[in-house]
All heavy atoms as atom14 arrays in JSON, in Angstrom:
{
  "sequence": "APWWAVLLVLGVITGAVSYVTGIAATRRLGSRLGSFVALSEVIA",
  "atom14_mask": [
    [1, 1, 1, 1, 1, 0, 0, 0, 0, 0, 0, 0, 0, 0],
    [1, 1, 1, 1, 1, 1, 1, 0, 0, 0, 0, 0, 0, 0],
    [1, 1, 1, 1, 1, 1, 1, 1, 1, 1, 1, 1, 1, 1],
    [1, 1, 1, 1, 1, 1, 1, 1, 1, 1, 1, 1, 1, 1],
    [1, 1, 1, 1, 1, 0, 0, 0, 0, 0, 0, 0, 0, 0],
    [1, 1, 1, 1, 1, 1, 1, 0, 0, 0, 0, 0, 0, 0],
    [1, 1, 1, 1, 1, 1, 1, 1, 0, 0, 0, 0, 0, 0],
    [1, 1, 1, 1, 1, 1, 1, 1, 0, 0, 0, 0, 0, 0],
    [1, 1, 1, 1, 1, 1, 1, 0, 0, 0, 0, 0, 0, 0],
    [1, 1, 1, 1, 1, 1, 1, 1, 0, 0, 0, 0, 0, 0],
    [1, 1, 1, 1, 0, 0, 0, 0, 0, 0, 0, 0, 0, 0],
    [1, 1, 1, 1, 1, 1, 1, 0, 0, 0, 0, 0, 0, 0],
    [1, 1, 1, 1, 1, 1, 1, 1, 0, 0, 0, 0, 0, 0],
    [1, 1, 1, 1, 1, 1, 1, 0, 0, 0, 0, 0, 0, 0],
    [1, 1, 1, 1, 0, 0, 0, 0, 0, 0, 0, 0, 0, 0],
    [1, 1, 1, 1, 1, 0, 0, 0, 0, 0, 0, 0, 0, 0],
    [1, 1, 1, 1, 1, 1, 1, 0, 0, 0, 0, 0, 0, 0],
    [1, 1, 1, 1, 1, 1, 0, 0, 0, 0, 0, 0, 0, 0],
    [1, 1, 1, 1, 1, 1, 1, 1, 1, 1, 1, 1, 0, 0],
    [1, 1, 1, 1, 1, 1, 1, 0, 0, 0, 0, 0, 0, 0],
    [1, 1, 1, 1, 1, 1, 1, 0, 0, 0, 0, 0, 0, 0],
    [1, 1, 1, 1, 0, 0, 0, 0, 0, 0, 0, 0, 0, 0],
    [1, 1, 1, 1, 1, 1, 1, 1, 0, 0, 0, 0, 0, 0],
    [1, 1, 1, 1, 1, 0, 0, 0, 0, 0, 0, 0, 0, 0],
    [1, 1, 1, 1, 1, 0, 0, 0, 0, 0, 0, 0, 0, 0],
    [1, 1, 1, 1, 1, 1, 1, 0, 0, 0, 0, 0, 0, 0],
    [1, 1, 1, 1, 1, 1, 1, 1, 1, 1, 1, 0, 0, 0],
    [1, 1, 1, 1, 1, 1, 1, 1, 1, 1, 1, 0, 0, 0],
    [1, 1, 1, 1, 1, 1, 1, 1, 0, 0, 0, 0, 0, 0],
    [1, 1, 1, 1, 0, 0, 0, 0, 0, 0, 0, 0, 0, 0],
    [1, 1, 1, 1, 1, 1, 0, 0, 0, 0, 0, 0, 0, 0],
    [1, 1, 1, 1, 1, 1, 1, 1, 1, 1, 1, 0, 0, 0],
    [1, 1, 1, 1, 1, 1, 1, 1, 0, 0, 0, 0, 0, 0],
    [1, 1, 1, 1, 0, 0, 0, 0, 0, 0, 0, 0, 0, 0],
    [1, 1, 1, 1, 1, 1, 0, 0, 0, 0, 0, 0, 0, 0],
    [1, 1, 1, 1, 1, 1, 1, 1, 1, 1, 1, 0, 0, 0],
    [1, 1, 1, 1, 1, 1, 1, 0, 0, 0, 0, 0, 0, 0],
    [1, 1, 1, 1, 1, 0, 0, 0, 0, 0, 0, 0, 0, 0],
    [1, 1, 1, 1, 1, 1, 1, 1, 0, 0, 0, 0, 0, 0],
    [1, 1, 1, 1, 1, 1, 0, 0, 0, 0, 0, 0, 0, 0],
    [1, 1, 1, 1, 1, 1, 1, 1, 1, 0, 0, 0, 0, 0],
    [1, 1, 1, 1, 1, 1, 1, 0, 0, 0, 0, 0, 0, 0],
    [1, 1, 1, 1, 1, 1, 1, 1, 0, 0, 0, 0, 0, 0],
    [1, 1, 1, 1, 1, 0, 0, 0, 0, 0, 0, 0, 0, 0]
  ],
  "atom14_positions": [
    [[-15.04, 0.01, 16.42], [-15.31, -0.94, 15.34], [-15.01, -2.31, 15.86], [-14.19, -2.59, 16.69], [-14.42, -0.64, 14.09], [0.0, 0.0, 0.0], [0.0, 0.0, 0.0], [0.0, 0.0, 0.0], [0.0, 0.0, 0.0], [0.0, 0.0, 0.0], [0.0, 0.0, 0.0], [0.0, 0.0, 0.0], [0.0, 0.0, 0.0], [0.0, 0.0, 0.0]],
    [[-15.84, -3.38, 15.42], [-15.65, -4.69, 15.82], [-14.28, -5.12, 15.39], [-13.79, -4.84, 14.32], [-16.81, -5.47, 15.2], [-17.22, -4.63, 14.16], [-16.96, -3.21, 14.59], [0.0, 0.0, 0.0], [0.0, 0.0, 0.0], [0.0, 0.0, 0.0], [0.0, 0.0, 0.0], [0.0, 0.0, 0.0], [0.0, 0.0, 0.0], [0.0, 0.0, 0.0]],
    [[-13.65, -6.06, 16.21], [-12.33, -6.53, 15.93], [-12.17, -7.17, 14.53], [-11.22, -7.11, 13.81], [-11.81, -7.52, 17.05], [-12.77, -8.78, 17.15], [-13.83, -8.99, 17.85], [-12.45, -9.94, 16.35], [-14.34, -10.1, 17.68], [-13.51, -10.83, 16.76], [-11.48, -10.47, 15.47], [-13.66, -12.17, 16.3], [-11.6, -11.72, 15.0], [-12.62, -12.63, 15.41]],
    [[-13.31, -7.96, 14.2], [-13.29, -8.68, 12.86], [-13.25, -7.71, 11.64], [-12.67, -8.02, 10.67], [-14.32, -9.65, 12.87], [-15.69, -9.16, 13.0], [-16.54, -9.01, 14.1], [-16.56, -8.54, 12.04], [-17.65, -8.4, 13.94], [-17.72, -8.04, 12.62], [-16.42, -8.27, 10.68], [-18.75, -7.39, 11.94], [-17.41, -7.72, 10.0], [-18.62, -7.24, 10.52]],
    [[-13.98, -6.62, 11.85], [-14.05, -5.6, 10.74], [-12.66, -4.98, 10.56], [-12.23, -4.7, 9.45], [-15.13, -4.52, 11.07], [0.0, 0.0, 0.0], [0.0, 0.0, 0.0], [0.0, 0.0, 0.0], [0.0, 0.0, 0.0], [0.0, 0.0, 0.0], [0.0, 0.0, 0.0], [0.0, 0.0, 0.0], [0.0, 0.0, 0.0], [0.0, 0.0, 0.0]],
    [[-11.99, -4.69, 11.73], [-10.67, -3.97, 11.57], [-9.68, -5.04, 10.91], [-8.86, -4.62, 10.11], [-10.19, -3.63, 12.93], [-8.69, -3.12, 12.96], [-11.11, -2.59, 13.62], [0.0, 0.0, 0.0], [0.0, 0.0, 0.0], [0.0, 0.0, 0.0], [0.0, 0.0, 0.0], [0.0, 0.0, 0.0], [0.0, 0.0, 0.0], [0.0, 0.0, 0.0]],
    [[-9.78, -6.27, 11.31], [-8.93, -7.3, 10.69], [-9.21, -7.46, 9.19], [-8.19, -7.66, 8.42], [-9.15, -8.68, 11.37], [-8.49, -8.9, 12.68], [-8.75, -10.3, 13.23], [-6.91, -8.84, 12.49], [0.0, 0.0, 0.0], [0.0, 0.0, 0.0], [0.0, 0.0, 0.0], [0.0, 0.0, 0.0], [0.0, 0.0, 0.0], [0.0, 0.0, 0.0]],
    [[-10.5, -7.36, 8.76], [-10.77, -7.49, 7.27], [-10.17, -6.33, 6.55], [-9.55, -6.56, 5.43], [-12.25, -7.54, 7.2], [-13.02, -8.84, 7.26], [-14.48, -8.71, 7.13], [-12.39, -9.93, 6.46], [0.0, 0.0, 0.0], [0.0, 0.0, 0.0], [0.0, 0.0, 0.0], [0.0, 0.0, 0.0], [0.0, 0.0, 0.0], [0.0, 0.0, 0.0]],
    [[-10.29, -5.15, 7.05], [-9.73, -3.97, 6.47], [-8.18, -4.11, 6.48], [-7.52, -3.79, 5.45], [-10.17, -2.59, 7.04], [-9.43, -1.5, 6.42], [-11.66, -2.54, 6.95], [0.0, 0.0, 0.0], [0.0, 0.0, 0.0], [0.0, 0.0, 0.0], [0.0, 0.0, 0.0], [0.0, 0.0, 0.0], [0.0, 0.0, 0.0], [0.0, 0.0, 0.0]],
    [[-7.59, -4.51, 7.47], [-6.22, -4.71, 7.65], [-5.64, -5.77, 6.57], [-4.47, -5.48, 5.98], [-5.77, -5.16, 9.06], [-4.35, -5.19, 9.38], [-3.76, -3.84, 9.47], [-4.05, -5.97, 10.73], [0.0, 0.0, 0.0], [0.0, 0.0, 0.0], [0.0, 0.0, 0.0], [0.0, 0.0, 0.0], [0.0, 0.0, 0.0], [0.0, 0.0, 0.0]],
    [[-6.4, -6.81, 6.33], [-5.87, -7.74, 5.42], [-6.09, -7.52, 3.98], [-5.33, -7.61, 3.09], [0.0, 0.0, 0.0], [0.0, 0.0, 0.0], [0.0, 0.0, 0.0], [0.0, 0.0, 0.0], [0.0, 0.0, 0.0], [0.0, 0.0, 0.0], [0.0, 0.0, 0.0], [0.0, 0.0, 0.0], [0.0, 0.0, 0.0], [0.0, 0.0, 0.0]],
    [[-7.48, -6.98, 3.61], [-7.84, -6.81, 2.34], [-7.21, -5.46, 1.78], [-6.49, -5.45, 0.69], [-9.29, -6.84, 2.11], [-9.66, -6.48, 0.69], [-9.85, -8.15, 2.53], [0.0, 0.0, 0.0], [0.0, 0.0, 0.0], [0.0, 0.0, 0.0], [0.0, 0.0, 0.0], [0.0, 0.0, 0.0], [0.0, 0.0, 0.0], [0.0, 0.0, 0.0]],
    [[-7.47, -4.41, 2.4], [-7.08, -3.05, 1.96], [-5.6, -2.78, 2.14], [-4.86, -2.52, 1.22], [-7.83, -1.82, 2.69], [-9.35, -2.17, 2.35], [-7.48, -0.54, 2.13], [-9.82, -2.12, 0.89], [0.0, 0.0, 0.0], [0.0, 0.0, 0.0], [0.0, 0.0, 0.0], [0.0, 0.0, 0.0], [0.0, 0.0, 0.0], [0.0, 0.0, 0.0]],
    [[-5.2, -2.88, 3.46], [-3.63, -2.66, 3.71], [-2.74, -3.81, 3.35], [-1.58, -3.61, 3.46], [-3.56, -2.22, 5.14], [-3.52, -3.45, 5.91], [-4.63, -1.24, 5.63], [0.0, 0.0, 0.0], [0.0, 0.0, 0.0], [0.0, 0.0, 0.0], [0.0, 0.0, 0.0], [0.0, 0.0, 0.0], [0.0, 0.0, 0.0], [0.0, 0.0, 0.0]],
    [[-3.32, -4.96, 3.04], [-2.55, -6.11, 2.68], [-2.62, -6.37, 1.21], [-1.61, -6.0, 0.49], [0.0, 0.0, 0.0], [0.0, 0.0, 0.0], [0.0, 0.0, 0.0], [0.0, 0.0, 0.0], [0.0, 0.0, 0.0], [0.0, 0.0, 0.0], [0.0, 0.0, 0.0], [0.0, 0.0, 0.0], [0.0, 0.0, 0.0], [0.0, 0.0, 0.0]],
    [[-3.69, -6.96, 0.7], [-3.78, -7.35, -0.68], [-3.64, -6.16, -1.59], [-2.78, -6.11, -2.58], [-5.0, -8.03, -0.96], [0.0, 0.0, 0.0], [0.0, 0.0, 0.0], [0.0, 0.0, 0.0], [0.0, 0.0, 0.0], [0.0, 0.0, 0.0], [0.0, 0.0, 0.0], [0.0, 0.0, 0.0], [0.0, 0.0, 0.0], [0.0, 0.0, 0.0]],
    [[-4.48, -5.14, -1.45], [-4.58, -3.94, -2.28], [-3.22, -3.25, -2.32], [-2.76, -2.88, -3.41], [-5.73, -3.01, -1.98], [-5.58, -1.74, -2.81], [-7.03, -3.77, -2.13], [0.0, 0.0, 0.0], [0.0, 0.0, 0.0], [0.0, 0.0, 0.0], [0.0, 0.0, 0.0], [0.0, 0.0, 0.0], [0.0, 0.0, 0.0], [0.0, 0.0, 0.0]],
    [[-2.68, -3.0, -1.18], [-1.44, -2.27, -1.01], [-0.31, -2.88, -1.85], [0.46, -2.2, -2.44], [-1.05, -1.98, 0.4], [-0.94, -3.22, 1.02], [0.0, 0.0, 0.0], [0.0, 0.0, 0.0], [0.0, 0.0, 0.0], [0.0, 0.0, 0.0], [0.0, 0.0, 0.0], [0.0, 0.0, 0.0], [0.0, 0.0, 0.0], [0.0, 0.0, 0.0]],
    [[-0.17, -4.2, -1.66], [1.13, -4.84, -2.23], [0.91, -4.95, -3.72], [1.92, -4.63, -4.51], [1.25, -6.27, -1.7], [1.89, -6.35, -0.32], [1.26, -6.57, 0.75], [3.33, -6.05, -0.29], [1.8, -6.59, 2.03], [3.82, -6.03, 0.98], [3.15, -6.28, 2.1], [3.74, -6.27, 3.4], [0.0, 0.0, 0.0], [0.0, 0.0, 0.0]],
    [[-0.24, -5.14, -4.26], [-0.48, -5.25, -5.76], [-0.17, -3.84, -6.34], [0.49, -3.66, -7.35], [-1.8, -5.72, -6.12], [-2.13, -5.69, -7.55], [-1.91, -7.15, -5.73], [0.0, 0.0, 0.0], [0.0, 0.0, 0.0], [0.0, 0.0, 0.0], [0.0, 0.0, 0.0], [0.0, 0.0, 0.0], [0.0, 0.0, 0.0], [0.0, 0.0, 0.0]],
    [[-0.82, -2.86, -5.82], [-0.66, -1.43, -6.41], [0.81, -0.93, -6.12], [1.27, -0.21, -6.97], [-1.69, -0.48, -5.69], [-1.52, -0.56, -4.2], [-3.13, -0.78, -6.03], [0.0, 0.0, 0.0], [0.0, 0.0, 0.0], [0.0, 0.0, 0.0], [0.0, 0.0, 0.0], [0.0, 0.0, 0.0], [0.0, 0.0, 0.0], [0.0, 0.0, 0.0]],
    [[1.42, -1.39, -5.03], [2.68, -0.92, -4.7], [3.75, -1.51, -5.87], [4.62, -0.81, -6.38], [0.0, 0.0, 0.0], [0.0, 0.0, 0.0], [0.0, 0.0, 0.0], [0.0, 0.0, 0.0], [0.0, 0.0, 0.0], [0.0, 0.0, 0.0], [0.0, 0.0, 0.0], [0.0, 0.0, 0.0], [0.0, 0.0, 0.0], [0.0, 0.0, 0.0]],
    [[3.56, -2.78, -6.16], [4.46, -3.42, -7.14], [4.13, -2.82, -8.56], [5.05, -2.5, -9.34], [4.25, -4.94, -7.22], [4.7, -5.49, -5.88], [5.04, -5.59, -8.33], [4.34, -7.04, -5.79], [0.0, 0.0, 0.0], [0.0, 0.0, 0.0], [0.0, 0.0, 0.0], [0.0, 0.0, 0.0], [0.0, 0.0, 0.0], [0.0, 0.0, 0.0]],
    [[2.86, -2.62, -8.89], [2.45, -2.08, -10.18], [3.18, -0.66, -10.33], [3.58, -0.21, -11.37], [0.98, -1.94, -10.36], [0.0, 0.0, 0.0], [0.0, 0.0, 0.0], [0.0, 0.0, 0.0], [0.0, 0.0, 0.0], [0.0, 0.0, 0.0], [0.0, 0.0, 0.0], [0.0, 0.0, 0.0], [0.0, 0.0, 0.0], [0.0, 0.0, 0.0]],
    [[3.12, 0.13, -9.23], [3.73, 1.49, -9.23], [5.1, 1.46, -9.5], [5.68, 2.11, -10.35], [3.27, 2.21, -7.98], [0.0, 0.0, 0.0], [0.0, 0.0, 0.0], [0.0, 0.0, 0.0], [0.0, 0.0, 0.0], [0.0, 0.0, 0.0], [0.0, 0.0, 0.0], [0.0, 0.0, 0.0], [0.0, 0.0, 0.0], [0.0, 0.0, 0.0]],
    [[5.86, 0.66, -8.81], [7.28, 0.58, -8.81], [7.74, 0.0, -10.17], [8.81, 0.4, -10.67], [7.92, -0.28, -7.69], [7.34, 0.07, -6.5], [9.36, -0.13, -7.63], [0.0, 0.0, 0.0], [0.0, 0.0, 0.0], [0.0, 0.0, 0.0], [0.0, 0.0, 0.0], [0.0, 0.0, 0.0], [0.0, 0.0, 0.0], [0.0, 0.0, 0.0]],
    [[7.01, -0.91, -10.84], [7.27, -1.42, -12.18], [7.25, -0.26, -13.16], [8.03, -0.37, -14.13], [6.27, -2.49, -12.59], [6.51, -3.81, -11.71], [7.63, -4.65, -12.31], [7.87, -5.84, -11.61], [7.28, -7.07, -11.79], [6.36, -7.16, -12.71], [7.58, -8.11, -10.95], [0.0, 0.0, 0.0], [0.0, 0.0, 0.0], [0.0, 0.0, 0.0]],
    [[6.35, 0.67, -12.93], [6.09, 1.8, -13.9], [7.19, 2.9, -13.59], [7.58, 3.61, -14.5], [4.73, 2.22, -13.81], [3.82, 1.37, -14.47], [2.32, 1.66, -14.09], [1.33, 0.82, -14.8], [1.05, -0.4, -14.63], [1.75, -1.06, -13.55], [0.2, -1.0, -15.31], [0.0, 0.0, 0.0], [0.0, 0.0, 0.0], [0.0, 0.0, 0.0]],
    [[7.4, 3.09, -12.3], [8.31, 4.3, -12.0], [9.76, 3.91, -11.72], [10.6, 4.86, -11.84], [7.72, 4.97, -10.71], [6.29, 5.44, -10.74], [5.93, 5.95, -9.35], [6.08, 6.5, -11.74], [0.0, 0.0, 0.0], [0.0, 0.0, 0.0], [0.0, 0.0, 0.0], [0.0, 0.0, 0.0], [0.0, 0.0, 0.0], [0.0, 0.0, 0.0]],
    [[10.06, 2.62, -11.51], [11.35, 2.34, -11.16], [11.64, 2.24, -9.59], [10.89, 2.92, -8.94], [0.0, 0.0, 0.0], [0.0, 0.0, 0.0], [0.0, 0.0, 0.0], [0.0, 0.0, 0.0], [0.0, 0.0, 0.0], [0.0, 0.0, 0.0], [0.0, 0.0, 0.0], [0.0, 0.0, 0.0], [0.0, 0.0, 0.0], [0.0, 0.0, 0.0]],
    [[12.63, 1.56, -9.2], [12.78, 1.5, -7.76], [13.15, 2.74, -7.1], [12.76, 3.03, -5.95], [13.93, 0.38, -7.39], [15.05, 0.73, -8.04], [0.0, 0.0, 0.0], [0.0, 0.0, 0.0], [0.0, 0.0, 0.0], [0.0, 0.0, 0.0], [0.0, 0.0, 0.0], [0.0, 0.0, 0.0], [0.0, 0.0, 0.0], [0.0, 0.0, 0.0]],
    [[14.01, 3.59, -7.71], [14.37, 4.91, -7.21], [13.13, 5.79, -7.05], [12.74, 6.24, -6.01], [15.51, 5.5, -8.0], [16.85, 4.81, -7.89], [17.78, 5.59, -8.68], [19.09, 4.94, -8.74], [19.5, 4.05, -9.59], [18.67, 3.68, -10.56], [20.69, 3.48, -9.54], [0.0, 0.0, 0.0], [0.0, 0.0, 0.0], [0.0, 0.0, 0.0]],
    [[12.61, 6.13, -8.23], [11.43, 7.15, -8.17], [10.36, 6.51, -7.48], [9.67, 7.27, -6.73], [10.99, 7.42, -9.64], [9.84, 8.33, -9.77], [10.23, 9.71, -9.13], [9.53, 8.57, -11.27], [0.0, 0.0, 0.0], [0.0, 0.0, 0.0], [0.0, 0.0, 0.0], [0.0, 0.0, 0.0], [0.0, 0.0, 0.0], [0.0, 0.0, 0.0]],
    [[10.05, 5.19, -7.6], [8.99, 4.65, -6.82], [9.16, 4.78, -5.29], [8.15, 4.96, -4.54], [0.0, 0.0, 0.0], [0.0, 0.0, 0.0], [0.0, 0.0, 0.0], [0.0, 0.0, 0.0], [0.0, 0.0, 0.0], [0.0, 0.0, 0.0], [0.0, 0.0, 0.0], [0.0, 0.0, 0.0], [0.0, 0.0, 0.0], [0.0, 0.0, 0.0]],
    [[10.41, 4.6, -4.76], [10.64, 4.73, -3.41], [10.42, 6.14, -2.83], [10.08, 6.29, -1.66], [12.0, 4.21, -3.03], [13.04, 5.1, -3.68], [0.0, 0.0, 0.0], [0.0, 0.0, 0.0], [0.0, 0.0, 0.0], [0.0, 0.0, 0.0], [0.0, 0.0, 0.0], [0.0, 0.0, 0.0], [0.0, 0.0, 0.0], [0.0, 0.0, 0.0]],
    [[10.67, 7.11, -3.7], [10.49, 8.52, -3.27], [9.01, 8.93, -3.33], [8.54, 9.68, -2.35], [11.42, 9.44, -4.06], [12.86, 9.37, -3.56], [13.74, 8.47, -4.2], [13.34, 10.18, -2.65], [15.06, 8.44, -3.7], [14.51, 10.11, -2.17], [15.56, 9.22, -2.76], [0.0, 0.0, 0.0], [0.0, 0.0, 0.0], [0.0, 0.0, 0.0]],
    [[8.29, 8.6, -4.3], [6.86, 8.88, -4.39], [6.21, 8.13, -3.21], [5.25, 8.76, -2.68], [6.21, 8.37, -5.73], [4.78, 8.65, -5.7], [6.88, 9.18, -6.91], [0.0, 0.0, 0.0], [0.0, 0.0, 0.0], [0.0, 0.0, 0.0], [0.0, 0.0, 0.0], [0.0, 0.0, 0.0], [0.0, 0.0, 0.0], [0.0, 0.0, 0.0]],
    [[6.61, 7.03, -2.86], [6.05, 6.25, -1.86], [6.23, 6.91, -0.42], [5.53, 6.59, 0.59], [6.51, 4.85, -1.7], [0.0, 0.0, 0.0], [0.0, 0.0, 0.0], [0.0, 0.0, 0.0], [0.0, 0.0, 0.0], [0.0, 0.0, 0.0], [0.0, 0.0, 0.0], [0.0, 0.0, 0.0], [0.0, 0.0, 0.0], [0.0, 0.0, 0.0]],
    [[7.01, 8.01, -0.37], [7.15, 8.79, 0.8], [5.79, 9.42, 1.29], [5.57, 9.87, 2.36], [8.19, 9.78, 0.79], [9.62, 9.29, 0.79], [10.69, 10.43, 0.48], [9.97, 8.65, 2.2], [0.0, 0.0, 0.0], [0.0, 0.0, 0.0], [0.0, 0.0, 0.0], [0.0, 0.0, 0.0], [0.0, 0.0, 0.0], [0.0, 0.0, 0.0]],
    [[4.86, 9.52, 0.26], [3.56, 10.14, 0.63], [2.76, 9.22, 1.67], [1.85, 9.62, 2.25], [2.69, 10.31, -0.65], [2.61, 9.07, -1.35], [0.0, 0.0, 0.0], [0.0, 0.0, 0.0], [0.0, 0.0, 0.0], [0.0, 0.0, 0.0], [0.0, 0.0, 0.0], [0.0, 0.0, 0.0], [0.0, 0.0, 0.0], [0.0, 0.0, 0.0]],
    [[3.29, 7.93, 1.81], [2.73, 7.03, 2.77], [2.93, 7.64, 4.13], [2.05, 7.5, 5.07], [3.31, 5.76, 2.75], [2.75, 4.72, 3.8], [3.41, 3.46, 3.79], [4.13, 2.98, 2.71], [3.37, 2.7, 4.79], [0.0, 0.0, 0.0], [0.0, 0.0, 0.0], [0.0, 0.0, 0.0], [0.0, 0.0, 0.0], [0.0, 0.0, 0.0]],
    [[4.05, 8.33, 4.42], [4.3, 9.0, 5.7], [3.12, 10.04, 5.98], [2.71, 10.09, 7.12], [5.63, 9.66, 5.79], [5.91, 10.35, 7.1], [6.77, 8.56, 5.55], [0.0, 0.0, 0.0], [0.0, 0.0, 0.0], [0.0, 0.0, 0.0], [0.0, 0.0, 0.0], [0.0, 0.0, 0.0], [0.0, 0.0, 0.0], [0.0, 0.0, 0.0]],
    [[2.8, 10.83, 5.07], [1.81, 11.78, 5.21], [0.42, 11.15, 5.51], [-0.27, 11.48, 6.47], [1.65, 12.73, 4.03], [3.02, 13.38, 3.73], [0.58, 13.7, 4.11], [3.12, 14.2, 2.41], [0.0, 0.0, 0.0], [0.0, 0.0, 0.0], [0.0, 0.0, 0.0], [0.0, 0.0, 0.0], [0.0, 0.0, 0.0], [0.0, 0.0, 0.0]],
    [[0.14, 10.02, 4.67], [-1.06, 9.34, 4.99], [-1.14, 8.74, 6.37], [-2.21, 8.74, 7.03], [-1.29, 8.19, 3.82], [0.0, 0.0, 0.0], [0.0, 0.0, 0.0], [0.0, 0.0, 0.0], [0.0, 0.0, 0.0], [0.0, 0.0, 0.0], [0.0, 0.0, 0.0], [0.0, 0.0, 0.0], [0.0, 0.0, 0.0], [0.0, 0.0, 0.0]]
  ]
}
């Protein structure tokens, strides 16, 4: 893949989208439960 395409995905998907959805999840689940559900990131 071209370097610029990889950078776009790195910034938009793994950057912007990940932080917003991560905060929204932890607000709903709490810091404890949110941190344990987020362990699915290791599998991903």
